Protein backbone atom coordinates (compact mmCIF):
# COMPACT_ATOMS: atom_id res chain seq x y z
CA THR A 1 -19.52 -17.19 43.42
CA GLU A 2 -18.06 -20.12 45.33
CA ASN A 3 -15.81 -21.00 42.40
CA ILE A 4 -14.60 -17.41 42.12
CA LEU A 5 -13.77 -17.31 45.85
CA LYS A 6 -11.90 -20.60 45.59
CA LEU A 7 -9.92 -19.31 42.61
CA LEU A 8 -9.15 -16.06 44.47
CA ALA A 9 -7.99 -17.93 47.58
CA LYS A 10 -5.89 -20.29 45.46
CA THR A 11 -4.24 -17.31 43.79
CA ILE A 12 -3.56 -15.36 47.00
CA PHE A 13 -2.21 -18.31 48.94
CA THR A 14 0.36 -19.35 46.40
CA VAL A 15 3.84 -18.60 47.72
CA ARG A 16 4.75 -16.60 44.64
CA ILE A 17 1.84 -14.14 44.89
CA GLY A 18 1.57 -14.16 48.69
CA MET A 19 5.20 -13.07 49.03
CA LEU A 20 4.76 -10.27 46.51
CA ILE A 21 1.65 -9.01 48.32
CA LEU A 22 3.56 -8.96 51.64
CA ILE A 23 6.52 -7.14 50.10
CA MET A 24 4.34 -4.47 48.55
CA THR A 25 2.20 -4.17 51.68
CA GLY A 26 5.36 -3.07 53.49
CA PHE A 27 5.86 -0.34 50.91
CA THR A 28 2.23 0.82 50.91
CA MET A 29 2.31 1.20 54.70
CA THR A 30 5.22 3.61 54.24
CA TYR A 31 3.55 5.21 51.23
CA MET A 32 0.48 5.94 53.33
CA GLN A 33 2.43 8.05 55.83
CA PHE A 34 3.10 10.74 53.25
CA TYR A 35 -0.60 11.46 52.94
CA GLU A 36 -1.81 10.64 56.46
CA THR A 37 0.96 11.32 58.98
CA LEU A 38 3.37 13.79 57.35
CA PRO A 39 0.70 16.55 57.06
CA ASN A 40 0.28 16.49 60.85
CA PHE A 41 4.05 16.56 61.28
CA ILE A 42 4.36 19.57 58.95
CA PHE A 43 1.65 21.44 60.85
CA ASP A 44 3.22 20.70 64.25
CA TRP A 45 6.94 20.87 63.60
CA SER A 46 8.19 21.92 60.17
CA ASP A 47 9.54 25.45 59.81
CA THR A 48 9.24 26.68 56.23
CA SER A 49 9.61 30.36 57.10
CA ALA A 50 13.00 30.60 55.33
CA ILE A 51 11.36 29.45 52.07
CA ALA A 52 8.26 31.58 52.62
CA ARG A 53 10.31 34.78 52.25
CA TYR A 54 10.75 34.10 48.54
CA LEU A 55 7.17 33.11 47.69
CA PRO A 56 4.08 35.19 46.83
CA ASN A 57 1.44 35.76 49.51
CA PHE A 58 -1.11 33.36 47.99
CA MET A 59 1.29 30.47 48.70
CA LEU A 60 1.72 31.39 52.36
CA SER A 61 -0.12 30.78 55.60
CA GLU A 62 -0.07 32.68 58.90
CA THR A 63 0.63 30.38 61.89
CA ASN A 64 1.40 30.90 65.58
CA ARG A 65 5.07 30.38 64.65
CA GLY A 66 5.06 32.99 61.90
CA VAL A 67 4.45 32.96 58.16
CA MET A 68 4.95 29.50 56.62
CA VAL A 69 4.46 27.93 53.20
CA ALA A 70 0.84 26.82 52.99
CA TYR A 71 0.44 23.07 53.39
CA GLU A 72 -1.45 22.67 50.12
CA TRP A 73 1.38 24.21 48.12
CA LEU A 74 3.89 21.77 49.58
CA TYR A 75 1.67 18.95 48.35
CA ASN A 76 1.11 20.68 45.03
CA LEU A 77 4.85 20.17 44.56
CA ASN A 78 4.25 16.43 44.82
CA SER A 79 1.36 16.52 42.35
CA GLY A 80 3.19 18.79 39.91
CA LEU A 81 6.31 16.63 39.87
CA ILE A 82 4.22 13.51 39.23
CA ILE A 83 2.64 15.14 36.18
CA LEU A 84 5.99 16.41 34.88
CA LEU A 85 8.08 13.30 35.54
CA VAL A 86 5.86 10.26 35.04
CA LEU A 87 6.53 9.87 31.30
CA PHE A 88 10.21 10.76 31.65
CA MET A 89 10.79 8.24 34.46
CA ALA A 90 8.86 5.56 32.56
CA LYS A 91 11.16 6.14 29.60
CA ILE A 92 14.45 5.95 31.48
CA THR A 93 13.41 2.87 33.49
CA ASP A 94 11.94 1.03 30.50
CA LYS A 95 15.04 -1.10 29.82
CA ILE A 96 15.88 -1.82 33.47
CA LYS A 97 14.75 -5.00 35.22
CA ILE A 98 11.40 -4.24 36.86
CA SER A 99 12.31 -5.72 40.25
CA LYS A 100 15.32 -3.39 40.43
CA VAL A 101 13.18 -0.39 39.46
CA ILE A 102 10.63 -1.26 42.15
CA SER A 103 13.41 -1.60 44.75
CA VAL A 104 14.76 1.84 43.81
CA GLY A 105 11.26 3.27 44.06
CA ILE A 106 10.75 1.77 47.52
CA ALA A 107 14.14 3.11 48.63
CA LEU A 108 13.44 6.64 47.38
CA GLY A 109 10.01 6.64 49.01
CA GLY A 110 11.31 5.53 52.40
CA ILE A 111 14.36 7.80 52.34
CA GLY A 112 12.32 10.77 51.13
CA LEU A 113 9.80 10.37 53.94
CA PHE A 114 12.62 10.12 56.48
CA ILE A 115 14.38 13.23 55.12
CA ALA A 116 11.12 15.21 55.13
CA GLY A 117 10.53 14.51 58.81
CA PHE A 118 14.07 14.15 60.14
CA SER A 119 14.36 17.80 61.16
CA GLN A 120 12.29 20.97 61.39
CA SER A 121 14.06 22.39 58.34
CA GLY A 122 11.72 23.51 55.56
CA ILE A 123 14.47 23.00 52.99
CA LEU A 124 14.94 19.36 54.01
CA LEU A 125 11.17 18.95 54.01
CA VAL A 126 11.02 20.05 50.36
CA LEU A 127 13.99 17.83 49.44
CA GLY A 128 12.29 14.91 51.16
CA ILE A 129 9.04 15.54 49.27
CA VAL A 130 10.96 15.59 45.97
CA CYS A 131 12.80 12.35 46.84
CA TYR A 132 9.59 10.64 47.94
CA THR A 133 7.79 11.79 44.78
CA LEU A 134 10.52 10.30 42.58
CA GLY A 135 9.96 6.96 44.31
CA GLU A 136 6.20 7.28 43.87
CA VAL A 137 6.54 8.14 40.17
CA ILE A 138 8.82 5.14 39.63
CA ILE A 139 6.91 2.48 41.52
CA ASN A 140 3.24 3.20 40.80
CA PRO A 141 3.35 2.23 37.09
CA LYS A 142 5.84 -0.60 37.61
CA TYR A 143 4.01 -2.62 40.25
CA PRO A 144 1.01 -3.41 37.99
CA GLU A 145 3.42 -4.15 35.14
CA TYR A 146 5.38 -6.54 37.36
CA MET A 147 2.22 -8.30 38.52
CA ALA A 148 1.06 -8.66 34.90
CA ASN A 149 4.43 -10.17 33.97
CA VAL A 150 4.32 -12.86 36.67
CA ALA A 151 0.67 -13.76 35.98
CA PRO A 152 -0.28 -16.64 33.69
CA MET A 153 -1.81 -15.42 30.44
CA GLN A 154 -5.28 -16.68 31.34
CA SER A 155 -5.25 -15.10 34.82
CA LYS A 156 -3.82 -11.61 34.28
CA SER A 157 -7.02 -9.78 35.25
CA LEU A 158 -7.31 -11.85 38.42
CA TYR A 159 -3.70 -11.17 39.40
CA LEU A 160 -4.10 -7.45 38.78
CA GLY A 161 -7.17 -7.51 41.01
CA VAL A 162 -5.30 -9.39 43.72
CA MET A 163 -2.58 -6.73 43.52
CA ASN A 164 -4.96 -4.28 45.16
CA ILE A 165 -4.97 -6.39 48.33
CA SER A 166 -1.52 -5.05 49.18
CA TRP A 167 -2.81 -1.49 48.75
CA ALA A 168 -5.87 -2.21 50.89
CA ILE A 169 -3.85 -3.77 53.72
CA GLY A 170 -1.14 -1.15 53.46
CA PHE A 171 -3.53 1.81 53.45
CA ALA A 172 -5.63 0.50 56.34
CA GLY A 173 -2.72 -0.81 58.38
CA GLY A 174 -0.49 2.15 57.55
CA GLY A 175 -3.17 4.61 58.60
CA LEU A 176 -3.73 2.86 61.94
CA ILE A 177 -0.04 2.35 62.72
CA GLY A 178 0.97 5.85 61.61
CA GLY A 179 -1.87 7.43 63.58
CA TRP A 180 -1.01 5.51 66.75
CA LEU A 181 2.70 6.30 66.48
CA TYR A 182 2.04 9.96 65.82
CA LYS A 183 -0.39 10.40 68.71
CA HIS A 184 1.92 8.81 71.27
CA PHE A 185 5.37 9.75 69.99
CA ALA A 186 5.11 12.89 67.83
CA GLU A 187 1.96 14.93 68.49
CA LYS A 188 2.90 18.39 69.79
CA ALA A 189 -0.38 18.90 71.64
CA HIS A 190 0.15 15.58 73.43
CA PHE A 191 3.65 16.63 74.51
CA ALA A 192 2.25 19.96 75.75
CA GLN A 193 -0.33 18.03 77.74
CA ILE A 194 2.45 15.96 79.34
CA LEU A 195 4.26 19.18 80.27
CA LEU A 196 1.11 20.55 81.91
CA VAL A 197 0.50 17.36 83.90
CA LYS A 198 4.10 17.41 85.18
CA ASN A 199 3.36 20.88 86.52
CA GLY A 200 0.15 19.80 88.20
CA ILE A 201 -2.26 21.08 85.56
CA GLU A 202 -4.63 18.33 84.48
CA ASN A 203 -7.79 17.89 82.40
CA VAL A 204 -6.78 20.48 79.79
CA PRO A 205 -8.34 19.58 76.39
CA LEU A 206 -5.84 18.56 73.75
CA SER A 207 -6.87 21.46 71.52
CA GLN A 208 -5.94 23.95 74.27
CA SER A 209 -2.87 22.24 75.71
CA PHE A 210 -0.23 24.02 73.60
CA SER A 211 -1.54 27.53 74.28
CA LYS A 212 -1.86 26.66 77.98
CA ALA A 213 1.73 25.38 77.98
CA MET A 214 2.86 28.67 76.41
CA GLN A 215 1.21 30.56 79.27
CA LEU A 216 2.82 28.25 81.83
CA THR A 217 6.37 28.49 80.43
CA GLY A 218 6.29 32.07 79.18
CA LEU A 219 7.70 30.87 75.85
CA ASP A 220 6.34 31.85 72.45
CA ALA A 221 5.12 29.20 70.01
CA LYS A 222 8.44 28.84 68.19
CA GLN A 223 10.45 28.55 71.42
CA LEU A 224 8.07 26.02 73.00
CA THR A 225 8.02 23.97 69.79
CA ALA A 226 11.84 23.84 69.83
CA GLN A 227 11.84 22.81 73.50
CA LEU A 228 9.30 20.01 72.98
CA TRP A 229 11.26 18.82 69.93
CA GLU A 230 14.47 18.53 71.96
CA GLN A 231 12.72 16.76 74.83
CA HIS A 232 10.73 14.20 72.83
CA ASN A 233 12.48 13.69 69.44
CA PRO A 234 9.30 13.30 67.36
CA ASN A 235 11.39 12.68 64.23
CA LEU A 236 12.08 9.15 65.48
CA ILE A 237 8.61 8.02 64.36
CA TRP A 238 9.94 7.81 60.79
CA LEU A 239 12.54 5.17 61.67
CA PRO A 240 10.07 2.21 61.70
CA PHE A 241 8.94 3.13 58.18
CA LEU A 242 12.51 3.48 56.96
CA VAL A 243 13.18 -0.02 58.33
CA LEU A 244 9.96 -1.29 56.73
CA SER A 245 11.14 0.06 53.38
CA LEU A 246 14.49 -1.71 53.85
CA ILE A 247 12.72 -4.99 54.64
CA SER A 248 10.60 -4.58 51.48
CA ILE A 249 13.74 -3.97 49.38
CA ILE A 250 15.46 -7.05 50.82
CA GLY A 251 12.28 -9.05 50.21
CA MET A 252 12.12 -7.86 46.60
CA TYR A 253 15.77 -8.81 46.08
CA PHE A 254 15.25 -12.40 47.23
CA TYR A 255 11.91 -12.62 45.46
CA SER A 256 13.45 -11.60 42.14
CA LYS A 257 16.24 -14.15 42.67
CA LYS A 258 13.75 -16.94 43.27
CA TYR A 259 11.20 -16.00 40.61
């Protein structure tokens, strides 16, 4: 066991592998937001009513802002595109340098997430999901392939195991960072609570704050949502992850130049 731990530490703390883990950790932190933070954003802010008019009832959901596309069907789009495109994207990226393919995947993921949450538009949300999914389809098969290529022949299994460290750090760190950012800078119920406190109404539970704010202002759910959006700009929470994606792309560029 001691020898295995020494070998693992020796592998991780080499500059070549350590840099790659850091680069991909940046991406996985962004990747995590699609599954952890964006669902909350869709529930609070996204308006898919314009799309809902053209869909059958089983794909719709009744909300306090009207009929919207059901959350699960928006994410079924992601799953369906992965199934349809994974072999096609693998084919068209097969002859391209892997580091370039990974960089494109990171870029599409970061940009797609930003587009999805940049406005309340349901159409932009769908476009963002498609863009993000393209990045996901590109990068998920290529990262293990890239790690296998840089690994010595006798250590490929170890390197592929080490690869999962970037996913572990990214998933854990991304979940914590995304959750903290969302609670303080994008959560609609939190903004409603702030509105209530400004008007001298305190100790209202978070789950009741939005309905209480509607009573206070006399606005309906859609109007109050628009007002809170204009006052607090919750879409800005996606900027740090767009920057993180850019840093990962720059890191991959210099990494591929060096190695």
